[in-house]
Amino acid sequence: MLLGHDRDNDIIYVLAELKIKGVAPTIHVSRMRAIAGSVPAAYPHDGSGREKASGETLASIYKREGLAMLPTHATFAGGGYSAEAGIMETLTRMRNGRFRVAQNLREWAQKFEGHLQKDSLVVKANGDLLSATRVGAMQITSGRLAPLGPVRPEVRHPPRRGEFAIGHDADPFA
């Protein structure tokens, strides 16, 4: 998940989703770096645990593969990492308009709807996208400005004739 945070209005935006199962960390990292290579990745407390085959932590494996990682697992600003508290915080933000998901993130929306049952009980099966959202939202206070897209070497010369940047301005949250 790629989250953005409007600090002035305290709104969290879900900007991109990435869900791939059964691939090596090198593949996962390369896809994440292509989306937002300069953005530090938050990870859950169990990412600090040892991976059975190698004995390394999952966080250290991702860092070794080139992903910008936060120094410690995600926690709330006041400490703690309760899944239930994270879910409730996200639902509260949704209700009061401080949590928005880009319209093109169809899988995220499907997973979210599939995780709420009658009486708002949360079903945790197959919740990778929602879990990643919760972890990122918990750690949103450590966010910083970072360019999106892959990490590119700095251009060390002034723009040459004919060089320009192309972008677009669209509101995916409209």
N, C-alpha and C. Protein backbone atom coordinates (compact mmCIF):
# COMPACT_ATOMS: atom_id res chain seq x y z
N MET A 1 0.85 -1.17 0.00
CA MET A 1 0.00 0.00 0.00
C MET A 1 0.89 1.23 0.00
N LEU A 2 0.47 2.20 -0.74
CA LEU A 2 1.13 3.50 -0.71
C LEU A 2 0.13 4.48 -0.14
N LEU A 3 0.49 5.07 0.99
CA LEU A 3 -0.38 6.02 1.64
C LEU A 3 0.23 7.41 1.57
N GLY A 4 -0.63 8.39 1.49
CA GLY A 4 -0.23 9.78 1.58
C GLY A 4 -0.95 10.40 2.77
N HIS A 5 -0.38 11.47 3.30
CA HIS A 5 -0.99 12.11 4.46
C HIS A 5 -1.01 13.62 4.26
N ASP A 6 -2.18 14.19 4.28
CA ASP A 6 -2.36 15.64 4.27
C ASP A 6 -2.32 16.08 5.72
N ARG A 7 -1.16 16.56 6.16
CA ARG A 7 -1.00 16.91 7.57
C ARG A 7 -1.86 18.09 7.99
N ASP A 8 -2.07 19.02 7.09
CA ASP A 8 -2.88 20.20 7.43
C ASP A 8 -4.31 19.82 7.80
N ASN A 9 -4.88 18.85 7.09
CA ASN A 9 -6.25 18.43 7.33
C ASN A 9 -6.35 17.05 7.97
N ASP A 10 -5.22 16.43 8.27
CA ASP A 10 -5.14 15.10 8.87
C ASP A 10 -5.98 14.08 8.11
N ILE A 11 -5.75 14.03 6.78
CA ILE A 11 -6.45 13.07 5.93
C ILE A 11 -5.42 12.08 5.39
N ILE A 12 -5.73 10.79 5.51
CA ILE A 12 -4.89 9.74 4.95
C ILE A 12 -5.49 9.33 3.60
N TYR A 13 -4.63 9.24 2.59
CA TYR A 13 -5.04 8.83 1.25
C TYR A 13 -4.37 7.50 0.91
N VAL A 14 -5.14 6.55 0.43
CA VAL A 14 -4.59 5.31 -0.11
C VAL A 14 -4.39 5.57 -1.60
N LEU A 15 -3.12 5.60 -2.03
CA LEU A 15 -2.76 6.02 -3.38
C LEU A 15 -2.52 4.86 -4.34
N ALA A 16 -1.99 3.75 -3.83
CA ALA A 16 -1.66 2.62 -4.70
C ALA A 16 -1.71 1.33 -3.90
N GLU A 17 -2.01 0.25 -4.61
CA GLU A 17 -2.04 -1.08 -3.99
C GLU A 17 -1.11 -2.00 -4.76
N LEU A 18 -0.52 -2.93 -4.05
CA LEU A 18 0.33 -3.93 -4.69
C LEU A 18 0.13 -5.23 -3.92
N LYS A 19 -0.41 -6.22 -4.62
CA LYS A 19 -0.61 -7.51 -3.98
C LYS A 19 -0.09 -8.58 -4.92
N ILE A 20 0.98 -9.22 -4.50
CA ILE A 20 1.53 -10.35 -5.25
C ILE A 20 1.90 -11.42 -4.23
N LYS A 21 1.45 -12.62 -4.48
CA LYS A 21 1.69 -13.72 -3.55
C LYS A 21 2.71 -14.69 -4.12
N GLY A 22 3.45 -15.30 -3.22
CA GLY A 22 4.31 -16.40 -3.59
C GLY A 22 5.52 -16.01 -4.42
N VAL A 23 6.00 -14.79 -4.26
CA VAL A 23 7.20 -14.37 -4.99
C VAL A 23 8.32 -14.06 -4.00
N ALA A 24 9.53 -14.10 -4.50
CA ALA A 24 10.70 -13.78 -3.67
C ALA A 24 10.69 -12.30 -3.31
N PRO A 25 11.30 -11.94 -2.18
CA PRO A 25 11.38 -10.53 -1.81
C PRO A 25 11.98 -9.64 -2.89
N THR A 26 12.89 -10.16 -3.70
CA THR A 26 13.48 -9.33 -4.76
C THR A 26 12.41 -8.83 -5.74
N ILE A 27 11.46 -9.67 -6.07
CA ILE A 27 10.38 -9.28 -6.98
C ILE A 27 9.47 -8.27 -6.30
N HIS A 28 9.10 -8.55 -5.08
CA HIS A 28 8.22 -7.64 -4.33
C HIS A 28 8.88 -6.28 -4.19
N VAL A 29 10.14 -6.25 -3.81
CA VAL A 29 10.86 -4.98 -3.64
C VAL A 29 10.96 -4.24 -4.96
N SER A 30 11.25 -4.92 -6.05
CA SER A 30 11.38 -4.22 -7.34
C SER A 30 10.07 -3.57 -7.73
N ARG A 31 8.94 -4.21 -7.46
CA ARG A 31 7.64 -3.61 -7.77
C ARG A 31 7.35 -2.43 -6.86
N MET A 32 7.69 -2.56 -5.58
CA MET A 32 7.46 -1.46 -4.65
C MET A 32 8.34 -0.26 -5.01
N ARG A 33 9.59 -0.53 -5.36
CA ARG A 33 10.51 0.56 -5.72
C ARG A 33 10.06 1.27 -7.00
N ALA A 34 9.41 0.56 -7.91
CA ALA A 34 8.92 1.17 -9.14
C ALA A 34 7.78 2.15 -8.86
N ILE A 35 7.01 1.87 -7.82
CA ILE A 35 5.88 2.73 -7.47
C ILE A 35 6.35 3.92 -6.64
N ALA A 36 7.19 3.68 -5.65
CA ALA A 36 7.60 4.74 -4.73
C ALA A 36 8.92 4.37 -4.07
N GLY A 37 9.99 4.38 -4.84
CA GLY A 37 11.29 3.92 -4.36
C GLY A 37 11.90 4.73 -3.25
N SER A 38 11.51 6.00 -3.09
CA SER A 38 12.09 6.85 -2.05
C SER A 38 11.26 6.89 -0.77
N VAL A 39 10.11 6.27 -0.80
CA VAL A 39 9.21 6.31 0.35
C VAL A 39 9.58 5.20 1.33
N PRO A 40 9.89 5.55 2.58
CA PRO A 40 10.23 4.52 3.56
C PRO A 40 9.03 3.62 3.86
N ALA A 41 9.28 2.32 3.93
CA ALA A 41 8.22 1.34 4.14
C ALA A 41 8.03 1.06 5.62
N ALA A 42 6.77 1.12 6.04
CA ALA A 42 6.41 0.69 7.39
C ALA A 42 6.18 -0.82 7.34
N TYR A 43 6.42 -1.48 8.45
CA TYR A 43 6.19 -2.92 8.49
C TYR A 43 5.63 -3.30 9.85
N PRO A 44 4.87 -4.42 9.90
CA PRO A 44 4.24 -4.83 11.15
C PRO A 44 5.24 -5.42 12.13
N HIS A 45 4.80 -5.55 13.37
CA HIS A 45 5.69 -6.06 14.41
C HIS A 45 6.22 -7.45 14.07
N ASP A 46 5.45 -8.27 13.37
CA ASP A 46 5.95 -9.60 13.04
C ASP A 46 6.98 -9.57 11.90
N GLY A 47 7.19 -8.42 11.26
CA GLY A 47 8.26 -8.27 10.28
C GLY A 47 9.63 -8.21 10.95
N SER A 48 9.61 -8.04 12.27
CA SER A 48 10.86 -8.05 13.04
C SER A 48 11.24 -9.47 13.45
N GLY A 49 10.33 -10.41 13.20
CA GLY A 49 10.60 -11.81 13.55
C GLY A 49 11.51 -12.47 12.52
N ARG A 50 12.11 -13.53 12.91
CA ARG A 50 13.05 -14.26 12.04
C ARG A 50 12.31 -15.08 11.00
N GLU A 51 12.80 -15.03 9.78
CA GLU A 51 12.29 -15.87 8.70
C GLU A 51 12.89 -17.26 8.91
N LYS A 52 12.07 -18.28 8.84
CA LYS A 52 12.51 -19.63 9.21
C LYS A 52 13.70 -20.14 8.41
N ALA A 53 13.68 -20.00 7.12
CA ALA A 53 14.74 -20.59 6.29
C ALA A 53 16.09 -19.89 6.47
N SER A 54 16.09 -18.57 6.49
CA SER A 54 17.37 -17.84 6.52
C SER A 54 17.79 -17.40 7.91
N GLY A 55 16.85 -17.27 8.82
CA GLY A 55 17.18 -16.74 10.14
C GLY A 55 17.23 -15.23 10.18
N GLU A 56 17.03 -14.57 9.05
CA GLU A 56 17.01 -13.11 8.99
C GLU A 56 15.60 -12.60 9.26
N THR A 57 15.50 -11.36 9.70
CA THR A 57 14.17 -10.76 9.83
C THR A 57 13.67 -10.40 8.44
N LEU A 58 12.36 -10.41 8.27
CA LEU A 58 11.78 -10.02 6.98
C LEU A 58 12.14 -8.57 6.66
N ALA A 59 12.14 -7.72 7.67
CA ALA A 59 12.50 -6.32 7.45
C ALA A 59 13.92 -6.20 6.93
N SER A 60 14.86 -6.97 7.47
CA SER A 60 16.25 -6.88 7.01
C SER A 60 16.41 -7.44 5.60
N ILE A 61 15.62 -8.45 5.26
CA ILE A 61 15.66 -8.99 3.90
C ILE A 61 15.20 -7.91 2.91
N TYR A 62 14.11 -7.24 3.20
CA TYR A 62 13.61 -6.19 2.32
C TYR A 62 14.61 -5.03 2.24
N LYS A 63 15.21 -4.68 3.35
CA LYS A 63 16.21 -3.61 3.34
C LYS A 63 17.42 -4.01 2.50
N ARG A 64 17.88 -5.23 2.66
CA ARG A 64 19.02 -5.72 1.88
C ARG A 64 18.71 -5.71 0.39
N GLU A 65 17.45 -5.94 0.03
CA GLU A 65 17.05 -5.94 -1.37
C GLU A 65 16.85 -4.53 -1.92
N GLY A 66 17.04 -3.52 -1.08
CA GLY A 66 17.03 -2.14 -1.59
C GLY A 66 15.80 -1.32 -1.27
N LEU A 67 14.92 -1.82 -0.43
CA LEU A 67 13.74 -1.05 -0.07
C LEU A 67 14.08 -0.12 1.10
N ALA A 68 13.65 1.11 1.00
CA ALA A 68 13.83 2.06 2.10
C ALA A 68 12.89 1.64 3.23
N MET A 69 13.44 1.20 4.33
CA MET A 69 12.63 0.71 5.45
C MET A 69 12.72 1.67 6.63
N LEU A 70 11.64 1.80 7.37
CA LEU A 70 11.70 2.54 8.63
C LEU A 70 12.54 1.73 9.61
N PRO A 71 13.18 2.39 10.57
CA PRO A 71 14.11 1.67 11.46
C PRO A 71 13.46 0.65 12.39
N THR A 72 12.18 0.83 12.73
CA THR A 72 11.50 -0.11 13.62
C THR A 72 10.10 -0.38 13.09
N HIS A 73 9.46 -1.42 13.63
CA HIS A 73 8.11 -1.77 13.19
C HIS A 73 7.12 -0.66 13.53
N ALA A 74 6.00 -0.68 12.83
CA ALA A 74 4.99 0.35 12.99
C ALA A 74 4.33 0.30 14.36
N THR A 75 4.10 1.48 14.90
CA THR A 75 3.34 1.63 16.14
C THR A 75 2.49 2.89 16.01
N PHE A 76 1.53 3.00 16.87
CA PHE A 76 0.77 4.24 16.95
C PHE A 76 1.68 5.32 17.53
N ALA A 77 1.32 6.58 17.35
CA ALA A 77 2.13 7.69 17.85
C ALA A 77 2.40 7.55 19.35
N GLY A 78 1.43 7.06 20.09
CA GLY A 78 1.59 6.88 21.53
C GLY A 78 2.13 5.53 21.93
N GLY A 79 2.49 4.70 20.94
CA GLY A 79 2.98 3.35 21.20
C GLY A 79 1.89 2.32 20.97
N GLY A 80 2.26 1.08 20.94
CA GLY A 80 1.32 -0.02 20.74
C GLY A 80 1.04 -0.28 19.27
N TYR A 81 0.51 -1.47 18.98
CA TYR A 81 0.25 -1.84 17.60
C TYR A 81 -0.97 -2.76 17.47
N SER A 82 -1.94 -2.59 18.31
CA SER A 82 -3.13 -3.42 18.30
C SER A 82 -3.84 -3.38 16.95
N ALA A 83 -4.12 -4.56 16.40
CA ALA A 83 -4.85 -4.65 15.13
C ALA A 83 -6.25 -4.06 15.28
N GLU A 84 -6.92 -4.38 16.37
CA GLU A 84 -8.27 -3.89 16.58
C GLU A 84 -8.29 -2.37 16.68
N ALA A 85 -7.32 -1.79 17.40
CA ALA A 85 -7.25 -0.33 17.52
C ALA A 85 -6.98 0.30 16.15
N GLY A 86 -6.14 -0.33 15.36
CA GLY A 86 -5.86 0.19 14.02
C GLY A 86 -7.08 0.14 13.11
N ILE A 87 -7.84 -0.93 13.21
CA ILE A 87 -9.06 -1.06 12.42
C ILE A 87 -10.07 0.00 12.85
N MET A 88 -10.23 0.17 14.15
CA MET A 88 -11.18 1.17 14.64
C MET A 88 -10.77 2.58 14.24
N GLU A 89 -9.47 2.87 14.30
CA GLU A 89 -8.97 4.18 13.88
C GLU A 89 -9.29 4.43 12.41
N THR A 90 -9.06 3.42 11.57
CA THR A 90 -9.33 3.56 10.14
C THR A 90 -10.83 3.75 9.89
N LEU A 91 -11.67 2.97 10.56
CA LEU A 91 -13.12 3.11 10.38
C LEU A 91 -13.61 4.49 10.85
N THR A 92 -13.05 4.97 11.95
CA THR A 92 -13.42 6.31 12.44
C THR A 92 -13.02 7.37 11.42
N ARG A 93 -11.81 7.25 10.87
CA ARG A 93 -11.37 8.19 9.84
C ARG A 93 -12.28 8.13 8.62
N MET A 94 -12.70 6.94 8.23
CA MET A 94 -13.58 6.80 7.07
C MET A 94 -14.91 7.51 7.32
N ARG A 95 -15.46 7.31 8.51
CA ARG A 95 -16.75 7.90 8.84
C ARG A 95 -16.71 9.43 8.83
N ASN A 96 -15.59 10.00 9.25
CA ASN A 96 -15.54 11.47 9.30
C ASN A 96 -14.76 12.09 8.15
N GLY A 97 -14.53 11.32 7.08
CA GLY A 97 -13.94 11.86 5.87
C GLY A 97 -12.45 12.09 5.91
N ARG A 98 -11.75 11.49 6.87
CA ARG A 98 -10.30 11.68 6.97
C ARG A 98 -9.51 10.47 6.48
N PHE A 99 -10.16 9.62 5.70
CA PHE A 99 -9.51 8.46 5.09
C PHE A 99 -10.15 8.26 3.73
N ARG A 100 -9.34 8.40 2.68
CA ARG A 100 -9.89 8.31 1.32
C ARG A 100 -9.07 7.33 0.50
N VAL A 101 -9.76 6.60 -0.36
CA VAL A 101 -9.13 5.58 -1.19
C VAL A 101 -9.35 5.97 -2.65
N ALA A 102 -8.27 5.95 -3.43
CA ALA A 102 -8.39 6.27 -4.86
C ALA A 102 -9.39 5.33 -5.52
N GLN A 103 -10.20 5.87 -6.41
CA GLN A 103 -11.28 5.09 -7.05
C GLN A 103 -10.77 3.92 -7.86
N ASN A 104 -9.55 4.00 -8.37
CA ASN A 104 -9.04 2.92 -9.22
C ASN A 104 -8.55 1.71 -8.43
N LEU A 105 -8.56 1.76 -7.13
CA LEU A 105 -8.08 0.66 -6.30
C LEU A 105 -9.22 -0.31 -6.01
N ARG A 106 -9.64 -1.01 -7.03
CA ARG A 106 -10.79 -1.92 -6.96
C ARG A 106 -10.56 -3.09 -6.01
N GLU A 107 -9.36 -3.67 -6.02
CA GLU A 107 -9.11 -4.82 -5.15
C GLU A 107 -9.18 -4.41 -3.69
N TRP A 108 -8.65 -3.24 -3.35
CA TRP A 108 -8.72 -2.74 -1.98
C TRP A 108 -10.18 -2.63 -1.56
N ALA A 109 -11.01 -2.03 -2.41
CA ALA A 109 -12.42 -1.84 -2.07
C ALA A 109 -13.12 -3.19 -1.90
N GLN A 110 -12.82 -4.15 -2.77
CA GLN A 110 -13.43 -5.47 -2.65
C GLN A 110 -13.03 -6.14 -1.34
N LYS A 111 -11.74 -6.05 -1.01
CA LYS A 111 -11.26 -6.67 0.24
C LYS A 111 -11.91 -6.00 1.44
N PHE A 112 -12.04 -4.68 1.41
CA PHE A 112 -12.63 -3.97 2.54
C PHE A 112 -14.08 -4.41 2.74
N GLU A 113 -14.85 -4.44 1.67
CA GLU A 113 -16.24 -4.85 1.79
C GLU A 113 -16.36 -6.29 2.24
N GLY A 114 -15.46 -7.16 1.80
CA GLY A 114 -15.48 -8.55 2.19
C GLY A 114 -15.06 -8.80 3.62
N HIS A 115 -14.42 -7.81 4.25
CA HIS A 115 -13.95 -7.98 5.62
C HIS A 115 -14.95 -7.49 6.66
N LEU A 116 -15.96 -6.79 6.23
CA LEU A 116 -16.97 -6.35 7.19
C LEU A 116 -18.18 -7.27 7.09
N GLN A 117 -18.54 -7.83 8.19
CA GLN A 117 -19.71 -8.70 8.24
C GLN A 117 -20.84 -7.96 8.95
N LYS A 118 -21.93 -8.68 9.13
CA LYS A 118 -23.05 -8.14 9.89
C LYS A 118 -22.56 -7.67 11.26
N ASP A 119 -23.07 -6.59 11.74
CA ASP A 119 -22.71 -5.98 13.02
C ASP A 119 -21.28 -5.46 13.03
N SER A 120 -20.71 -5.19 11.86
CA SER A 120 -19.37 -4.61 11.73
C SER A 120 -18.26 -5.45 12.36
N LEU A 121 -18.44 -6.77 12.41
CA LEU A 121 -17.37 -7.63 12.87
C LEU A 121 -16.35 -7.78 11.76
N VAL A 122 -15.08 -7.77 12.10
CA VAL A 122 -14.04 -7.83 11.09
C VAL A 122 -13.61 -9.27 10.87
N VAL A 123 -13.53 -9.67 9.61
CA VAL A 123 -13.04 -10.98 9.22
C VAL A 123 -11.61 -10.79 8.77
N LYS A 124 -10.66 -11.49 9.38
CA LYS A 124 -9.25 -11.25 9.11
C LYS A 124 -8.66 -12.12 8.00
N ALA A 125 -9.41 -13.06 7.45
CA ALA A 125 -8.87 -13.95 6.42
C ALA A 125 -8.54 -13.18 5.14
N ASN A 126 -7.40 -13.48 4.53
CA ASN A 126 -6.98 -12.87 3.28
C ASN A 126 -6.99 -11.34 3.34
N GLY A 127 -6.51 -10.80 4.42
CA GLY A 127 -6.55 -9.35 4.62
C GLY A 127 -5.24 -8.64 4.40
N ASP A 128 -4.41 -9.12 3.49
CA ASP A 128 -3.09 -8.51 3.30
C ASP A 128 -3.15 -7.03 2.96
N LEU A 129 -4.02 -6.65 2.03
CA LEU A 129 -4.11 -5.25 1.64
C LEU A 129 -4.60 -4.38 2.80
N LEU A 130 -5.59 -4.88 3.51
CA LEU A 130 -6.12 -4.10 4.62
C LEU A 130 -5.14 -4.06 5.79
N SER A 131 -4.44 -5.14 6.01
CA SER A 131 -3.43 -5.14 7.06
C SER A 131 -2.31 -4.15 6.73
N ALA A 132 -1.88 -4.13 5.48
CA ALA A 132 -0.84 -3.19 5.07
C ALA A 132 -1.33 -1.75 5.22
N THR A 133 -2.60 -1.52 4.92
CA THR A 133 -3.18 -0.18 5.09
C THR A 133 -3.16 0.21 6.56
N ARG A 134 -3.59 -0.71 7.41
CA ARG A 134 -3.64 -0.44 8.86
C ARG A 134 -2.25 -0.12 9.39
N VAL A 135 -1.25 -0.90 8.98
CA VAL A 135 0.13 -0.70 9.44
C VAL A 135 0.64 0.66 8.97
N GLY A 136 0.40 0.99 7.71
CA GLY A 136 0.82 2.29 7.20
C GLY A 136 0.14 3.44 7.90
N ALA A 137 -1.16 3.29 8.17
CA ALA A 137 -1.90 4.35 8.85
C ALA A 137 -1.40 4.54 10.29
N MET A 138 -1.02 3.44 10.95
CA MET A 138 -0.48 3.55 12.31
C MET A 138 0.79 4.40 12.31
N GLN A 139 1.59 4.25 11.28
CA GLN A 139 2.91 4.87 11.23
C GLN A 139 2.90 6.18 10.44
N ILE A 140 1.73 6.69 10.11
CA ILE A 140 1.63 7.85 9.23
C ILE A 140 2.36 9.07 9.77
N THR A 141 2.51 9.17 11.08
CA THR A 141 3.17 10.34 11.65
C THR A 141 4.66 10.40 11.32
N SER A 142 5.24 9.29 10.89
CA SER A 142 6.66 9.31 10.52
C SER A 142 6.85 9.60 9.03
N GLY A 143 5.75 9.88 8.34
CA GLY A 143 5.83 10.16 6.91
C GLY A 143 6.65 11.43 6.64
N ARG A 144 7.16 11.49 5.44
CA ARG A 144 7.91 12.67 5.02
C ARG A 144 7.68 12.88 3.54
N LEU A 145 7.98 14.05 3.07
CA LEU A 145 7.86 14.30 1.63
C LEU A 145 8.85 13.45 0.89
N ALA A 146 8.38 12.78 -0.14
CA ALA A 146 9.25 11.93 -0.96
C ALA A 146 8.65 11.86 -2.36
N PRO A 147 9.50 11.86 -3.36
CA PRO A 147 8.97 11.75 -4.73
C PRO A 147 8.42 10.35 -4.98
N LEU A 148 7.39 10.29 -5.81
CA LEU A 148 6.85 9.00 -6.19
C LEU A 148 7.58 8.50 -7.43
N GLY A 149 7.42 7.24 -7.72
CA GLY A 149 8.10 6.63 -8.85
C GLY A 149 9.41 6.01 -8.41
N PRO A 150 10.12 5.42 -9.37
CA PRO A 150 11.37 4.75 -9.02
C PRO A 150 12.44 5.74 -8.60
N VAL A 151 13.39 5.25 -7.81
CA VAL A 151 14.52 6.08 -7.43
C VAL A 151 15.36 6.29 -8.68
N ARG A 152 15.63 7.52 -8.96
CA ARG A 152 16.43 7.85 -10.15
C ARG A 152 17.69 8.57 -9.70
N PRO A 153 18.79 8.36 -10.41
CA PRO A 153 19.99 9.12 -10.08
C PRO A 153 19.72 10.60 -10.30
N GLU A 154 20.32 11.42 -9.46
CA GLU A 154 20.12 12.86 -9.60
C GLU A 154 20.71 13.36 -10.91
N VAL A 155 20.00 14.28 -11.54
CA VAL A 155 20.51 14.92 -12.75
C VAL A 155 21.45 16.03 -12.28
N ARG A 156 22.68 15.98 -12.71
CA ARG A 156 23.69 16.91 -12.22
C ARG A 156 23.98 18.05 -13.19
N HIS A 157 23.15 18.20 -14.18
CA HIS A 157 23.34 19.27 -15.14
C HIS A 157 22.05 20.06 -15.26
N PRO A 158 22.15 21.33 -15.65
CA PRO A 158 20.90 22.07 -15.86
C PRO A 158 20.13 21.45 -17.03
N PRO A 159 18.83 21.61 -17.05
CA PRO A 159 18.06 21.03 -18.16
C PRO A 159 18.59 21.53 -19.50
N ARG A 160 18.70 20.63 -20.42
CA ARG A 160 19.15 20.97 -21.76
C ARG A 160 17.95 21.35 -22.62
N ARG A 161 18.23 22.00 -23.70
CA ARG A 161 17.16 22.38 -24.62
C ARG A 161 16.36 21.13 -25.01
N GLY A 162 15.06 21.22 -24.89
CA GLY A 162 14.21 20.11 -25.26
C GLY A 162 13.88 19.17 -24.11
N GLU A 163 14.56 19.30 -22.95
CA GLU A 163 14.24 18.46 -21.80
C GLU A 163 13.09 19.08 -21.02
N PHE A 164 12.15 18.26 -20.63
CA PHE A 164 11.03 18.76 -19.84
C PHE A 164 10.41 17.58 -19.11
N ALA A 165 9.59 17.89 -18.15
CA ALA A 165 8.89 16.86 -17.40
C ALA A 165 7.44 16.80 -17.86
N ILE A 166 6.92 15.61 -17.92
CA ILE A 166 5.53 15.43 -18.29
C ILE A 166 4.81 14.87 -17.07
N GLY A 167 3.69 15.40 -16.77
CA GLY A 167 2.90 14.91 -15.65
C GLY A 167 1.43 15.05 -15.96
N HIS A 168 0.60 14.72 -15.02
CA HIS A 168 -0.82 14.95 -15.20
C HIS A 168 -1.39 15.40 -13.89
N ASP A 169 -2.50 16.06 -13.97
CA ASP A 169 -3.16 16.54 -12.78
C ASP A 169 -4.57 15.99 -12.81
N ALA A 170 -4.82 15.02 -11.98
CA ALA A 170 -6.15 14.43 -11.92
C ALA A 170 -6.48 14.15 -10.46
N ASP A 171 -7.74 14.13 -10.15
CA ASP A 171 -8.15 13.84 -8.78
C ASP A 171 -8.76 12.44 -8.74
N PRO A 172 -7.97 11.43 -8.35
CA PRO A 172 -8.50 10.07 -8.33
C PRO A 172 -9.49 9.85 -7.18
N PHE A 173 -9.66 10.84 -6.31
CA PHE A 173 -10.53 10.69 -5.15
C PHE A 173 -11.89 11.34 -5.36
N ALA A 174 -12.09 11.96 -6.53
CA ALA A 174 -13.33 12.69 -6.80
C ALA A 174 -14.52 11.77 -6.84
